[in-house]
């Protein structure tokens, strides 16, 4: 990310490809789940300025129009710490097991 910000052509190409793939993945999630908001933590929170322009273009192009008009993609307010908190919650049993989620859906 820093190299891309510094203008390194290879880094820019890699970040652009990653951002486009991010946009594709978010479009799939949005179209399937139809959320009002997608919250992304980790590196996205500190690199949104570099990742989001290309990701947003793909997200806009590939998301169904009614979904795109209401779904917002935002950085997690906890930033990169979100993964740490999620791991602690999982270790403490504060989240349902994946099998419980599958069972609840049927």
N, C-alpha and C. Protein backbone atom coordinates (compact mmCIF):
# COMPACT_ATOMS: atom_id res chain seq x y z
N UNK A 1 0.83 -1.18 0.00
CA UNK A 1 0.00 0.00 0.00
C UNK A 1 0.88 1.25 0.00
N UNK A 2 1.87 1.25 0.86
CA UNK A 2 2.75 2.42 0.91
C UNK A 2 3.48 2.62 -0.42
N UNK A 3 3.92 1.53 -1.04
CA UNK A 3 4.60 1.64 -2.33
C UNK A 3 3.66 2.18 -3.40
N UNK A 4 2.41 1.76 -3.36
CA UNK A 4 1.43 2.28 -4.32
C UNK A 4 1.21 3.77 -4.08
N UNK A 5 1.12 4.15 -2.84
CA UNK A 5 0.96 5.58 -2.53
C UNK A 5 2.17 6.39 -2.99
N UNK A 6 3.34 5.74 -3.00
CA UNK A 6 4.57 6.41 -3.43
C UNK A 6 4.73 6.43 -4.94
N UNK A 7 3.82 5.77 -5.66
CA UNK A 7 3.85 5.82 -7.11
C UNK A 7 4.52 4.64 -7.79
N UNK A 8 4.88 3.59 -7.06
CA UNK A 8 5.50 2.42 -7.67
C UNK A 8 4.49 1.75 -8.60
N UNK A 9 4.85 1.63 -9.87
CA UNK A 9 3.92 1.14 -10.90
C UNK A 9 3.45 -0.29 -10.61
N UNK A 10 4.36 -1.15 -10.20
CA UNK A 10 3.98 -2.54 -9.90
C UNK A 10 3.03 -2.59 -8.72
N UNK A 11 3.34 -1.84 -7.68
CA UNK A 11 2.48 -1.81 -6.50
C UNK A 11 1.10 -1.26 -6.85
N UNK A 12 1.06 -0.24 -7.68
CA UNK A 12 -0.22 0.32 -8.10
C UNK A 12 -1.04 -0.72 -8.84
N UNK A 13 -0.40 -1.49 -9.72
CA UNK A 13 -1.11 -2.53 -10.47
C UNK A 13 -1.64 -3.62 -9.54
N UNK A 14 -0.85 -4.01 -8.56
CA UNK A 14 -1.27 -5.04 -7.60
C UNK A 14 -2.44 -4.54 -6.75
N UNK A 15 -2.33 -3.33 -6.26
CA UNK A 15 -3.40 -2.75 -5.43
C UNK A 15 -4.67 -2.58 -6.26
N UNK A 16 -4.52 -2.15 -7.51
CA UNK A 16 -5.69 -1.99 -8.38
C UNK A 16 -6.40 -3.33 -8.60
N UNK A 17 -5.64 -4.38 -8.85
CA UNK A 17 -6.24 -5.71 -9.03
C UNK A 17 -6.93 -6.17 -7.75
N UNK A 18 -6.27 -5.98 -6.61
CA UNK A 18 -6.87 -6.37 -5.33
C UNK A 18 -8.16 -5.57 -5.08
N UNK A 19 -8.14 -4.30 -5.41
CA UNK A 19 -9.31 -3.46 -5.21
C UNK A 19 -10.46 -3.90 -6.12
N UNK A 20 -10.15 -4.24 -7.35
CA UNK A 20 -11.20 -4.72 -8.26
C UNK A 20 -11.80 -6.02 -7.76
N UNK A 21 -10.96 -6.91 -7.27
CA UNK A 21 -11.47 -8.18 -6.71
C UNK A 21 -12.30 -7.92 -5.46
N UNK A 22 -11.89 -6.96 -4.66
CA UNK A 22 -12.67 -6.59 -3.49
C UNK A 22 -14.05 -6.11 -3.93
N UNK A 23 -14.10 -5.26 -4.94
CA UNK A 23 -15.38 -4.78 -5.46
C UNK A 23 -16.26 -5.91 -5.96
N UNK A 24 -15.66 -6.88 -6.63
CA UNK A 24 -16.43 -8.04 -7.11
C UNK A 24 -16.99 -8.84 -5.94
N UNK A 25 -16.16 -9.09 -4.95
CA UNK A 25 -16.61 -9.85 -3.79
C UNK A 25 -17.71 -9.14 -3.03
N UNK A 26 -17.56 -7.84 -2.86
CA UNK A 26 -18.59 -7.07 -2.17
C UNK A 26 -19.90 -7.06 -2.95
N UNK A 27 -19.80 -6.99 -4.28
CA UNK A 27 -21.01 -7.02 -5.12
C UNK A 27 -21.75 -8.35 -4.95
N UNK A 28 -21.01 -9.44 -4.91
CA UNK A 28 -21.63 -10.76 -4.72
C UNK A 28 -22.32 -10.82 -3.36
N UNK A 29 -21.61 -10.39 -2.32
CA UNK A 29 -22.19 -10.40 -0.97
C UNK A 29 -23.45 -9.54 -0.93
N UNK A 30 -23.36 -8.34 -1.50
CA UNK A 30 -24.50 -7.42 -1.47
C UNK A 30 -25.70 -8.00 -2.22
N UNK A 31 -25.45 -8.58 -3.39
CA UNK A 31 -26.56 -9.13 -4.18
C UNK A 31 -27.21 -10.33 -3.52
N UNK A 32 -26.42 -11.14 -2.83
CA UNK A 32 -26.97 -12.33 -2.17
C UNK A 32 -27.69 -11.98 -0.87
N UNK A 33 -27.07 -11.13 -0.05
CA UNK A 33 -27.61 -10.86 1.28
C UNK A 33 -28.45 -9.59 1.37
N UNK A 34 -28.31 -8.69 0.42
CA UNK A 34 -29.05 -7.42 0.38
C UNK A 34 -28.95 -6.63 1.69
N UNK A 35 -27.72 -6.42 2.20
CA UNK A 35 -27.59 -5.66 3.45
C UNK A 35 -27.71 -4.15 3.19
N UNK A 36 -27.99 -3.41 4.23
CA UNK A 36 -27.98 -1.95 4.13
C UNK A 36 -26.56 -1.42 4.24
N UNK A 37 -25.70 -2.19 4.89
CA UNK A 37 -24.32 -1.75 5.12
C UNK A 37 -23.40 -2.96 5.18
N UNK A 38 -22.22 -2.80 4.61
CA UNK A 38 -21.15 -3.78 4.74
C UNK A 38 -20.02 -3.06 5.46
N UNK A 39 -19.58 -3.62 6.57
CA UNK A 39 -18.52 -3.02 7.38
C UNK A 39 -17.26 -3.85 7.19
N UNK A 40 -16.19 -3.18 6.80
CA UNK A 40 -14.92 -3.87 6.55
C UNK A 40 -13.86 -3.32 7.49
N UNK A 41 -13.18 -4.24 8.16
CA UNK A 41 -12.10 -3.84 9.06
C UNK A 41 -10.74 -4.15 8.46
N UNK A 42 -9.77 -4.22 9.30
CA UNK A 42 -8.42 -4.57 8.88
C UNK A 42 -7.78 -3.51 8.01
N UNK A 43 -7.06 -3.97 7.02
CA UNK A 43 -6.29 -3.07 6.17
C UNK A 43 -7.17 -2.08 5.41
N UNK A 44 -8.42 -2.43 5.16
CA UNK A 44 -9.31 -1.53 4.44
C UNK A 44 -9.48 -0.21 5.19
N UNK A 45 -9.55 -0.27 6.50
CA UNK A 45 -9.77 0.93 7.30
C UNK A 45 -8.64 1.95 7.11
N UNK A 46 -7.42 1.47 7.00
CA UNK A 46 -6.30 2.42 6.84
C UNK A 46 -5.90 2.63 5.39
N UNK A 47 -6.47 1.87 4.49
CA UNK A 47 -6.09 1.96 3.08
C UNK A 47 -7.27 2.28 2.18
N UNK A 48 -8.34 2.73 2.76
CA UNK A 48 -9.56 2.99 1.98
C UNK A 48 -9.29 3.97 0.84
N UNK A 49 -8.47 4.97 1.08
CA UNK A 49 -8.18 5.96 0.05
C UNK A 49 -7.55 5.35 -1.20
N UNK A 50 -6.82 4.28 -1.03
CA UNK A 50 -6.15 3.62 -2.15
C UNK A 50 -7.03 2.52 -2.75
N UNK A 51 -7.71 1.76 -1.91
CA UNK A 51 -8.49 0.61 -2.37
C UNK A 51 -9.88 0.97 -2.89
N UNK A 52 -10.55 1.92 -2.26
CA UNK A 52 -11.96 2.12 -2.54
C UNK A 52 -12.29 2.68 -3.92
N UNK A 53 -11.51 3.59 -4.50
CA UNK A 53 -11.91 4.10 -5.82
C UNK A 53 -12.13 3.00 -6.87
N UNK A 54 -11.19 2.09 -7.01
CA UNK A 54 -11.35 1.00 -7.99
C UNK A 54 -12.40 0.00 -7.52
N UNK A 55 -12.41 -0.31 -6.24
CA UNK A 55 -13.39 -1.26 -5.71
C UNK A 55 -14.80 -0.70 -5.87
N UNK A 56 -14.97 0.58 -5.65
CA UNK A 56 -16.30 1.19 -5.76
C UNK A 56 -16.82 1.15 -7.20
N UNK A 57 -15.93 1.38 -8.16
CA UNK A 57 -16.36 1.31 -9.56
C UNK A 57 -16.90 -0.08 -9.90
N UNK A 58 -16.17 -1.11 -9.50
CA UNK A 58 -16.60 -2.48 -9.78
C UNK A 58 -17.86 -2.80 -8.98
N UNK A 59 -17.89 -2.39 -7.73
CA UNK A 59 -19.07 -2.62 -6.88
C UNK A 59 -20.31 -1.99 -7.53
N UNK A 60 -20.17 -0.76 -8.01
CA UNK A 60 -21.30 -0.07 -8.65
C UNK A 60 -21.72 -0.77 -9.95
N UNK A 61 -20.74 -1.22 -10.73
CA UNK A 61 -21.04 -1.86 -12.01
C UNK A 61 -21.67 -3.24 -11.85
N UNK A 62 -21.30 -3.97 -10.80
CA UNK A 62 -21.70 -5.37 -10.69
C UNK A 62 -22.81 -5.64 -9.68
N UNK A 63 -23.19 -4.65 -8.91
CA UNK A 63 -24.26 -4.83 -7.93
C UNK A 63 -25.59 -4.48 -8.59
N UNK A 64 -26.62 -5.24 -8.30
CA UNK A 64 -27.95 -4.91 -8.80
C UNK A 64 -28.33 -3.51 -8.34
N UNK A 65 -28.93 -2.74 -9.23
CA UNK A 65 -29.22 -1.34 -8.97
C UNK A 65 -29.98 -1.07 -7.66
N UNK A 66 -31.06 -1.80 -7.37
CA UNK A 66 -31.77 -1.52 -6.12
C UNK A 66 -30.92 -1.79 -4.88
N UNK A 67 -30.06 -2.78 -4.98
CA UNK A 67 -29.17 -3.12 -3.86
C UNK A 67 -28.12 -2.03 -3.72
N UNK A 68 -27.50 -1.65 -4.82
CA UNK A 68 -26.44 -0.65 -4.78
C UNK A 68 -26.93 0.68 -4.24
N UNK A 69 -28.16 1.03 -4.56
CA UNK A 69 -28.67 2.33 -4.12
C UNK A 69 -28.84 2.42 -2.61
N UNK A 70 -28.95 1.28 -1.92
CA UNK A 70 -29.13 1.35 -0.47
C UNK A 70 -27.98 0.78 0.35
N UNK A 71 -27.11 -0.01 -0.26
CA UNK A 71 -26.02 -0.65 0.48
C UNK A 71 -24.79 0.25 0.52
N UNK A 72 -24.31 0.54 1.70
CA UNK A 72 -23.11 1.35 1.88
C UNK A 72 -21.98 0.47 2.40
N UNK A 73 -20.78 0.69 1.88
CA UNK A 73 -19.60 -0.01 2.36
C UNK A 73 -18.81 0.99 3.19
N UNK A 74 -18.56 0.64 4.43
CA UNK A 74 -17.89 1.56 5.35
C UNK A 74 -16.76 0.85 6.10
N UNK A 75 -15.74 1.61 6.49
CA UNK A 75 -14.67 1.00 7.29
C UNK A 75 -15.15 0.79 8.73
N UNK A 76 -14.69 -0.28 9.33
CA UNK A 76 -15.03 -0.55 10.73
C UNK A 76 -14.44 0.54 11.61
N UNK A 77 -15.22 1.00 12.55
CA UNK A 77 -14.73 2.04 13.45
C UNK A 77 -13.59 1.55 14.32
N UNK A 78 -13.51 0.24 14.51
CA UNK A 78 -12.40 -0.32 15.29
C UNK A 78 -11.13 -0.46 14.46
N UNK A 79 -11.21 -0.15 13.17
CA UNK A 79 -10.03 -0.21 12.31
C UNK A 79 -9.43 -1.60 12.26
N UNK A 80 -8.13 -1.64 12.37
CA UNK A 80 -7.43 -2.92 12.28
C UNK A 80 -7.62 -3.78 13.52
N UNK A 81 -8.11 -3.21 14.60
CA UNK A 81 -8.31 -3.98 15.83
C UNK A 81 -9.52 -4.89 15.75
N UNK A 82 -10.36 -4.75 14.74
CA UNK A 82 -11.58 -5.55 14.65
C UNK A 82 -11.28 -7.05 14.66
N UNK A 83 -10.22 -7.47 13.99
CA UNK A 83 -9.85 -8.89 13.98
C UNK A 83 -9.47 -9.38 15.36
N UNK A 84 -8.78 -8.54 16.13
CA UNK A 84 -8.41 -8.91 17.49
C UNK A 84 -9.65 -9.11 18.36
N UNK A 85 -10.60 -8.18 18.25
CA UNK A 85 -11.82 -8.29 19.03
C UNK A 85 -12.65 -9.50 18.62
N UNK A 86 -12.69 -9.78 17.33
CA UNK A 86 -13.44 -10.94 16.85
C UNK A 86 -12.81 -12.23 17.38
N UNK A 87 -11.49 -12.30 17.39
CA UNK A 87 -10.80 -13.49 17.89
C UNK A 87 -11.07 -13.69 19.39
N UNK A 88 -11.05 -12.59 20.14
CA UNK A 88 -11.32 -12.68 21.58
C UNK A 88 -12.76 -13.13 21.81
N UNK A 89 -13.70 -12.56 21.06
CA UNK A 89 -15.10 -12.95 21.21
C UNK A 89 -15.30 -14.42 20.89
N UNK A 90 -14.66 -14.89 19.83
CA UNK A 90 -14.78 -16.30 19.45
C UNK A 90 -14.18 -17.20 20.53
N UNK A 91 -13.02 -16.79 21.07
CA UNK A 91 -12.37 -17.59 22.11
C UNK A 91 -13.23 -17.66 23.37
N UNK A 92 -13.96 -16.60 23.65
CA UNK A 92 -14.82 -16.56 24.84
C UNK A 92 -16.19 -17.16 24.60
N UNK A 93 -16.42 -17.61 23.36
CA UNK A 93 -17.70 -18.22 23.04
C UNK A 93 -18.81 -17.21 22.86
N UNK A 94 -18.48 -16.00 22.51
CA UNK A 94 -19.47 -14.94 22.36
C UNK A 94 -20.14 -14.94 21.00
N UNK A 95 -19.71 -15.80 20.11
CA UNK A 95 -20.32 -15.86 18.78
C UNK A 95 -20.86 -17.27 18.57
N UNK A 96 -21.93 -17.41 17.79
CA UNK A 96 -22.46 -18.75 17.53
C UNK A 96 -21.51 -19.56 16.66
N UNK A 97 -21.49 -20.83 16.88
CA UNK A 97 -20.68 -21.72 16.04
C UNK A 97 -21.28 -21.75 14.64
N UNK A 98 -20.46 -21.93 13.60
CA UNK A 98 -20.98 -21.96 12.23
C UNK A 98 -22.10 -22.98 12.04
N UNK A 99 -22.03 -24.10 12.72
CA UNK A 99 -23.07 -25.11 12.58
C UNK A 99 -24.39 -24.61 13.16
N UNK A 100 -24.32 -23.79 14.20
CA UNK A 100 -25.54 -23.21 14.75
C UNK A 100 -26.18 -22.27 13.77
N UNK A 101 -25.37 -21.52 13.03
CA UNK A 101 -25.91 -20.61 12.03
C UNK A 101 -26.58 -21.38 10.89
N UNK A 102 -25.96 -22.47 10.46
CA UNK A 102 -26.52 -23.29 9.39
C UNK A 102 -27.84 -23.89 9.85
N UNK A 103 -27.86 -24.40 11.06
CA UNK A 103 -29.07 -25.01 11.60
C UNK A 103 -30.20 -24.00 11.76
N UNK A 104 -29.86 -22.76 12.08
CA UNK A 104 -30.88 -21.73 12.25
C UNK A 104 -31.52 -21.34 10.93
N UNK A 105 -30.78 -21.49 9.85
CA UNK A 105 -31.29 -21.09 8.54
C UNK A 105 -32.26 -22.11 7.96
N UNK A 106 -32.19 -23.36 8.40
CA UNK A 106 -33.05 -24.38 7.80
C UNK A 106 -34.36 -24.54 8.49
